[in-house]
Amino acid sequence: TDVLDEEPPPADHPLLKHPKALITPHIGSRTYESVPRQAMRATLNLVNYLKGEKDVIQANKW
């Protein structure tokens, strides 16, 4: 998982020591391939906002 209810999690959070859990910072989605795609969507959303148009849905768009 890369999202918890509280970030950063407290040191005694049970998942941090669980042998079958892998916890990453929320930036775990920032891969080399995703950075240009995320930047383009953010830019497109800004342009659409300034033009009074609908934003691009971020999840599962491309």
PDB file of N, CA and C in Angstrom:
ATOM      1  N   THR A   1       0.839  -1.186   0.000  1.00  0.00           N
ATOM      2  CA  THR A   1       0.000   0.000   0.000  1.00  0.00           C
ATOM      3  C   THR A   1       0.879   1.243   0.000  1.00  0.00           C
ATOM      4  N   ASP A   2       0.369   2.307  -0.556  1.00  0.00           N
ATOM      5  CA  ASP A   2       1.092   3.574  -0.466  1.00  0.00           C
ATOM      6  C   ASP A   2       0.204   4.665   0.107  1.00  0.00           C
ATOM      7  N   VAL A   3      -0.903   4.267   0.732  1.00  0.00           N
ATOM      8  CA  VAL A   3      -1.793   5.238   1.361  1.00  0.00           C
ATOM      9  C   VAL A   3      -2.278   4.671   2.690  1.00  0.00           C
ATOM     10  N   LEU A   4      -2.127   5.435   3.739  1.00  0.00           N
ATOM     11  CA  LEU A   4      -2.635   5.060   5.047  1.00  0.00           C
ATOM     12  C   LEU A   4      -3.516   6.188   5.565  1.00  0.00           C
ATOM     13  N   ASP A   5      -4.315   5.897   6.582  1.00  0.00           N
ATOM     14  CA  ASP A   5      -5.180   6.931   7.154  1.00  0.00           C
ATOM     15  C   ASP A   5      -4.377   8.106   7.691  1.00  0.00           C
ATOM     16  N   GLU A   6      -3.220   7.811   8.266  1.00  0.00           N
ATOM     17  CA  GLU A   6      -2.362   8.857   8.820  1.00  0.00           C
ATOM     18  C   GLU A   6      -0.980   8.726   8.186  1.00  0.00           C
ATOM     19  N   GLU A   7      -0.504   9.801   7.587  1.00  0.00           N
ATOM     20  CA  GLU A   7       0.819   9.780   6.959  1.00  0.00           C
ATOM     21  C   GLU A   7       1.654  10.932   7.485  1.00  0.00           C
ATOM     22  N   PRO A   8       2.862  10.687   7.899  1.00  0.00           N
ATOM     23  CA  PRO A   8       3.450   9.363   8.030  1.00  0.00           C
ATOM     24  C   PRO A   8       2.774   8.594   9.163  1.00  0.00           C
ATOM     25  N   PRO A   9       2.791   7.270   9.078  1.00  0.00           N
ATOM     26  CA  PRO A   9       2.146   6.482  10.126  1.00  0.00           C
ATOM     27  C   PRO A   9       2.951   6.540  11.425  1.00  0.00           C
ATOM     28  N   PRO A  10       2.281   6.347  12.555  1.00  0.00           N
ATOM     29  CA  PRO A  10       3.024   6.305  13.810  1.00  0.00           C
ATOM     30  C   PRO A  10       3.988   5.111  13.819  1.00  0.00           C
ATOM     31  N   ALA A  11       5.056   5.228  14.554  1.00  0.00           N
ATOM     32  CA  ALA A  11       6.083   4.181  14.577  1.00  0.00           C
ATOM     33  C   ALA A  11       5.540   2.826  15.018  1.00  0.00           C
ATOM     34  N   ASP A  12       4.468   2.819  15.793  1.00  0.00           N
ATOM     35  CA  ASP A  12       3.926   1.544  16.275  1.00  0.00           C
ATOM     36  C   ASP A  12       2.770   1.007  15.403  1.00  0.00           C
ATOM     37  N   HIS A  13       2.594   1.566  14.213  1.00  0.00           N
ATOM     38  CA  HIS A  13       1.523   1.098  13.326  1.00  0.00           C
ATOM     39  C   HIS A  13       1.751  -0.388  13.019  1.00  0.00           C
ATOM     40  N   PRO A  14       0.740  -1.248  13.190  1.00  0.00           N
ATOM     41  CA  PRO A  14       0.928  -2.694  13.039  1.00  0.00           C
ATOM     42  C   PRO A  14       1.379  -3.130  11.641  1.00  0.00           C
ATOM     43  N   LEU A  15       1.008  -2.416  10.610  1.00  0.00           N
ATOM     44  CA  LEU A  15       1.407  -2.830   9.266  1.00  0.00           C
ATOM     45  C   LEU A  15       2.896  -2.627   8.998  1.00  0.00           C
ATOM     46  N   LEU A  16       3.521  -1.725   9.720  1.00  0.00           N
ATOM     47  CA  LEU A  16       4.940  -1.447   9.481  1.00  0.00           C
ATOM     48  C   LEU A  16       5.835  -2.642   9.792  1.00  0.00           C
ATOM     49  N   LYS A  17       5.400  -3.500  10.681  1.00  0.00           N
ATOM     50  CA  LYS A  17       6.201  -4.668  11.050  1.00  0.00           C
ATOM     51  C   LYS A  17       5.582  -5.980  10.564  1.00  0.00           C
ATOM     52  N   HIS A  18       4.466  -5.897   9.856  1.00  0.00           N
ATOM     53  CA  HIS A  18       3.802  -7.115   9.382  1.00  0.00           C
ATOM     54  C   HIS A  18       4.653  -7.751   8.279  1.00  0.00           C
ATOM     55  N   PRO A  19       4.910  -9.064   8.362  1.00  0.00           N
ATOM     56  CA  PRO A  19       5.796  -9.714   7.387  1.00  0.00           C
ATOM     57  C   PRO A  19       5.240  -9.779   5.963  1.00  0.00           C
ATOM     58  N   LYS A  20       3.936  -9.610   5.810  1.00  0.00           N
ATOM     59  CA  LYS A  20       3.344  -9.700   4.470  1.00  0.00           C
ATOM     60  C   LYS A  20       2.872  -8.354   3.943  1.00  0.00           C
ATOM     61  N   ALA A  21       3.306  -7.268   4.563  1.00  0.00           N
ATOM     62  CA  ALA A  21       2.881  -5.933   4.134  1.00  0.00           C
ATOM     63  C   ALA A  21       4.078  -5.138   3.631  1.00  0.00           C
ATOM     64  N   LEU A  22       3.862  -4.425   2.553  1.00  0.00           N
ATOM     65  CA  LEU A  22       4.876  -3.514   2.028  1.00  0.00           C
ATOM     66  C   LEU A  22       4.256  -2.120   2.013  1.00  0.00           C
ATOM     67  N   ILE A  23       4.819  -1.225   2.782  1.00  0.00           N
ATOM     68  CA  ILE A  23       4.301   0.134   2.912  1.00  0.00           C
ATOM     69  C   ILE A  23       5.315   1.079   2.272  1.00  0.00           C
ATOM     70  N   THR A  24       4.859   1.895   1.335  1.00  0.00           N
ATOM     71  CA  THR A  24       5.726   2.869   0.694  1.00  0.00           C
ATOM     72  C   THR A  24       5.163   4.267   0.936  1.00  0.00           C
ATOM     73  N   PRO A  25       5.979   5.306   0.787  1.00  0.00           N
ATOM     74  CA  PRO A  25       5.442   6.662   0.864  1.00  0.00           C
ATOM     75  C   PRO A  25       4.420   6.863  -0.261  1.00  0.00           C
ATOM     76  N   HIS A  26       3.556   7.820  -0.096  1.00  0.00           N
ATOM     77  CA  HIS A  26       2.516   8.053  -1.102  1.00  0.00           C
ATOM     78  C   HIS A  26       3.107   8.360  -2.472  1.00  0.00           C
ATOM     79  N   ILE A  27       4.343   8.746  -2.536  1.00  0.00           N
ATOM     80  CA  ILE A  27       4.977   9.031  -3.819  1.00  0.00           C
ATOM     81  C   ILE A  27       5.366   7.755  -4.560  1.00  0.00           C
ATOM     82  N   GLY A  28       4.952   6.610  -4.036  1.00  0.00           N
ATOM     83  CA  GLY A  28       5.252   5.344  -4.687  1.00  0.00           C
ATOM     84  C   GLY A  28       4.716   5.257  -6.104  1.00  0.00           C
ATOM     85  N   SER A  29       3.766   6.089  -6.451  1.00  0.00           N
ATOM     86  CA  SER A  29       3.214   6.078  -7.811  1.00  0.00           C
ATOM     87  C   SER A  29       4.050   6.892  -8.783  1.00  0.00           C
ATOM     88  N   ARG A  30       5.060   7.578  -8.306  1.00  0.00           N
ATOM     89  CA  ARG A  30       5.892   8.436  -9.163  1.00  0.00           C
ATOM     90  C   ARG A  30       6.967   7.603  -9.847  1.00  0.00           C
ATOM     91  N   THR A  31       6.632   7.055 -10.981  1.00  0.00           N
ATOM     92  CA  THR A  31       7.608   6.309 -11.765  1.00  0.00           C
ATOM     93  C   THR A  31       8.139   7.195 -12.879  1.00  0.00           C
ATOM     94  N   TYR A  32       9.203   6.765 -13.485  1.00  0.00           N
ATOM     95  CA  TYR A  32       9.792   7.511 -14.599  1.00  0.00           C
ATOM     96  C   TYR A  32       8.747   7.739 -15.690  1.00  0.00           C
ATOM     97  N   GLU A  33       7.942   6.708 -15.974  1.00  0.00           N
ATOM     98  CA  GLU A  33       6.943   6.810 -17.039  1.00  0.00           C
ATOM     99  C   GLU A  33       5.742   7.668 -16.648  1.00  0.00           C
ATOM    100  N   SER A  34       5.424   7.717 -15.358  1.00  0.00           N
ATOM    101  CA  SER A  34       4.215   8.434 -14.944  1.00  0.00           C
ATOM    102  C   SER A  34       4.408   9.948 -14.841  1.00  0.00           C
ATOM    103  N   VAL A  35       5.635  10.413 -14.645  1.00  0.00           N
ATOM    104  CA  VAL A  35       5.865  11.842 -14.422  1.00  0.00           C
ATOM    105  C   VAL A  35       5.391  12.703 -15.598  1.00  0.00           C
ATOM    106  N   PRO A  36       5.789  12.416 -16.851  1.00  0.00           N
ATOM    107  CA  PRO A  36       5.298  13.248 -17.963  1.00  0.00           C
ATOM    108  C   PRO A  36       3.774  13.171 -18.121  1.00  0.00           C
ATOM    109  N   ARG A  37       3.224  11.985 -17.898  1.00  0.00           N
ATOM    110  CA  ARG A  37       1.772  11.814 -18.028  1.00  0.00           C
ATOM    111  C   ARG A  37       1.036  12.647 -16.979  1.00  0.00           C
ATOM    112  N   GLN A  38       1.517  12.628 -15.731  1.00  0.00           N
ATOM    113  CA  GLN A  38       0.881  13.407 -14.671  1.00  0.00           C
ATOM    114  C   GLN A  38       1.034  14.906 -14.919  1.00  0.00           C
ATOM    115  N   ALA A  39       2.194  15.308 -15.402  1.00  0.00           N
ATOM    116  CA  ALA A  39       2.412  16.728 -15.701  1.00  0.00           C
ATOM    117  C   ALA A  39       1.484  17.199 -16.809  1.00  0.00           C
ATOM    118  N   MET A  40       1.309  16.369 -17.841  1.00  0.00           N
ATOM    119  CA  MET A  40       0.429  16.739 -18.950  1.00  0.00           C
ATOM    120  C   MET A  40      -1.022  16.863 -18.484  1.00  0.00           C
ATOM    121  N   ARG A  41      -1.454  15.950 -17.640  1.00  0.00           N
ATOM    122  CA  ARG A  41      -2.830  16.030 -17.131  1.00  0.00           C
ATOM    123  C   ARG A  41      -3.028  17.270 -16.277  1.00  0.00           C
ATOM    124  N   ALA A  42      -2.053  17.579 -15.425  1.00  0.00           N
ATOM    125  CA  ALA A  42      -2.162  18.774 -14.586  1.00  0.00           C
ATOM    126  C   ALA A  42      -2.224  20.033 -15.443  1.00  0.00           C
ATOM    127  N   THR A  43      -1.395  20.079 -16.471  1.00  0.00           N
ATOM    128  CA  THR A  43      -1.386  21.235 -17.376  1.00  0.00           C
ATOM    129  C   THR A  43      -2.708  21.337 -18.131  1.00  0.00           C
ATOM    130  N   LEU A  44      -3.185  20.219 -18.629  1.00  0.00           N
ATOM    131  CA  LEU A  44      -4.464  20.205 -19.344  1.00  0.00           C
ATOM    132  C   LEU A  44      -5.602  20.648 -18.423  1.00  0.00           C
ATOM    133  N   ASN A  45      -5.587  20.200 -17.165  1.00  0.00           N
ATOM    134  CA  ASN A  45      -6.617  20.628 -16.225  1.00  0.00           C
ATOM    135  C   ASN A  45      -6.559  22.134 -15.975  1.00  0.00           C
ATOM    136  N   LEU A  46      -5.366  22.688 -15.883  1.00  0.00           N
ATOM    137  CA  LEU A  46      -5.229  24.133 -15.688  1.00  0.00           C
ATOM    138  C   LEU A  46      -5.761  24.891 -16.897  1.00  0.00           C
ATOM    139  N   VAL A  47      -5.390  24.463 -18.091  1.00  0.00           N
ATOM    140  CA  VAL A  47      -5.873  25.109 -19.318  1.00  0.00           C
ATOM    141  C   VAL A  47      -7.390  25.009 -19.396  1.00  0.00           C
ATOM    142  N   ASN A  48      -7.935  23.824 -19.127  1.00  0.00           N
ATOM    143  CA  ASN A  48      -9.394  23.654 -19.161  1.00  0.00           C
ATOM    144  C   ASN A  48     -10.085  24.543 -18.143  1.00  0.00           C
ATOM    145  N   TYR A  49      -9.514  24.653 -16.944  1.00  0.00           N
ATOM    146  CA  TYR A  49     -10.091  25.515 -15.919  1.00  0.00           C
ATOM    147  C   TYR A  49     -10.125  26.967 -16.387  1.00  0.00           C
ATOM    148  N   LEU A  50      -9.014  27.433 -16.954  1.00  0.00           N
ATOM    149  CA  LEU A  50      -8.948  28.816 -17.418  1.00  0.00           C
ATOM    150  C   LEU A  50      -9.904  29.082 -18.571  1.00  0.00           C
ATOM    151  N   LYS A  51     -10.216  28.052 -19.345  1.00  0.00           N
ATOM    152  CA  LYS A  51     -11.163  28.190 -20.459  1.00  0.00           C
ATOM    153  C   LYS A  51     -12.597  27.927 -20.021  1.00  0.00           C
ATOM    154  N   GLY A  52     -12.797  27.581 -18.732  1.00  0.00           N
ATOM    155  CA  GLY A  52     -14.138  27.292 -18.226  1.00  0.00           C
ATOM    156  C   GLY A  52     -14.652  25.931 -18.660  1.00  0.00           C
ATOM    157  N   GLU A  53     -13.752  25.032 -18.997  1.00  0.00           N
ATOM    158  CA  GLU A  53     -14.137  23.699 -19.449  1.00  0.00           C
ATOM    159  C   GLU A  53     -13.952  22.670 -18.333  1.00  0.00           C
ATOM    160  N   LYS A  54     -14.488  21.490 -18.573  1.00  0.00           N
ATOM    161  CA  LYS A  54     -14.443  20.417 -17.601  1.00  0.00           C
ATOM    162  C   LYS A  54     -13.014  19.882 -17.455  1.00  0.00           C
ATOM    163  N   ASP A  55     -12.676  19.468 -16.214  1.00  0.00           N
ATOM    164  CA  ASP A  55     -11.344  18.918 -15.958  1.00  0.00           C
ATOM    165  C   ASP A  55     -11.209  17.488 -16.479  1.00  0.00           C
ATOM    166  N   VAL A  56      -9.978  17.058 -16.631  1.00  0.00           N
ATOM    167  CA  VAL A  56      -9.679  15.698 -17.048  1.00  0.00           C
ATOM    168  C   VAL A  56      -9.713  14.816 -15.810  1.00  0.00           C
ATOM    169  N   ILE A  57     -10.434  13.735 -15.875  1.00  0.00           N
ATOM    170  CA  ILE A  57     -10.467  12.795 -14.758  1.00  0.00           C
ATOM    171  C   ILE A  57      -9.093  12.158 -14.639  1.00  0.00           C
ATOM    172  N   GLN A  58      -8.537  12.157 -13.445  1.00  0.00           N
ATOM    173  CA  GLN A  58      -7.165  11.694 -13.245  1.00  0.00           C
ATOM    174  C   GLN A  58      -7.029  10.170 -13.271  1.00  0.00           C
ATOM    175  N   ALA A  59      -7.974   9.458 -12.742  1.00  0.00           N
ATOM    176  CA  ALA A  59      -7.831   8.000 -12.634  1.00  0.00           C
ATOM    177  C   ALA A  59      -8.279   7.298 -13.916  1.00  0.00           C
ATOM    178  N   ASN A  60      -7.441   6.399 -14.380  1.00  0.00           N
ATOM    179  CA  ASN A  60      -7.774   5.509 -15.499  1.00  0.00           C
ATOM    180  C   ASN A  60      -8.129   6.241 -16.787  1.00  0.00           C
ATOM    181  N   LYS A  61      -7.498   7.371 -17.018  1.00  0.00           N
ATOM    182  CA  LYS A  61      -7.799   8.131 -18.241  1.00  0.00           C
ATOM    183  C   LYS A  61      -6.988   7.614 -19.426  1.00  0.00           C
ATOM    184  N   TRP A  62      -5.691   7.424 -19.250  1.00  0.00           N
ATOM    185  CA  TRP A  62      -4.842   6.996 -20.352  1.00  0.00           C
ATOM    186  C   TRP A  62      -4.153   5.715 -20.033  1.00  0.00           C
TER     187      TRP A  62
END
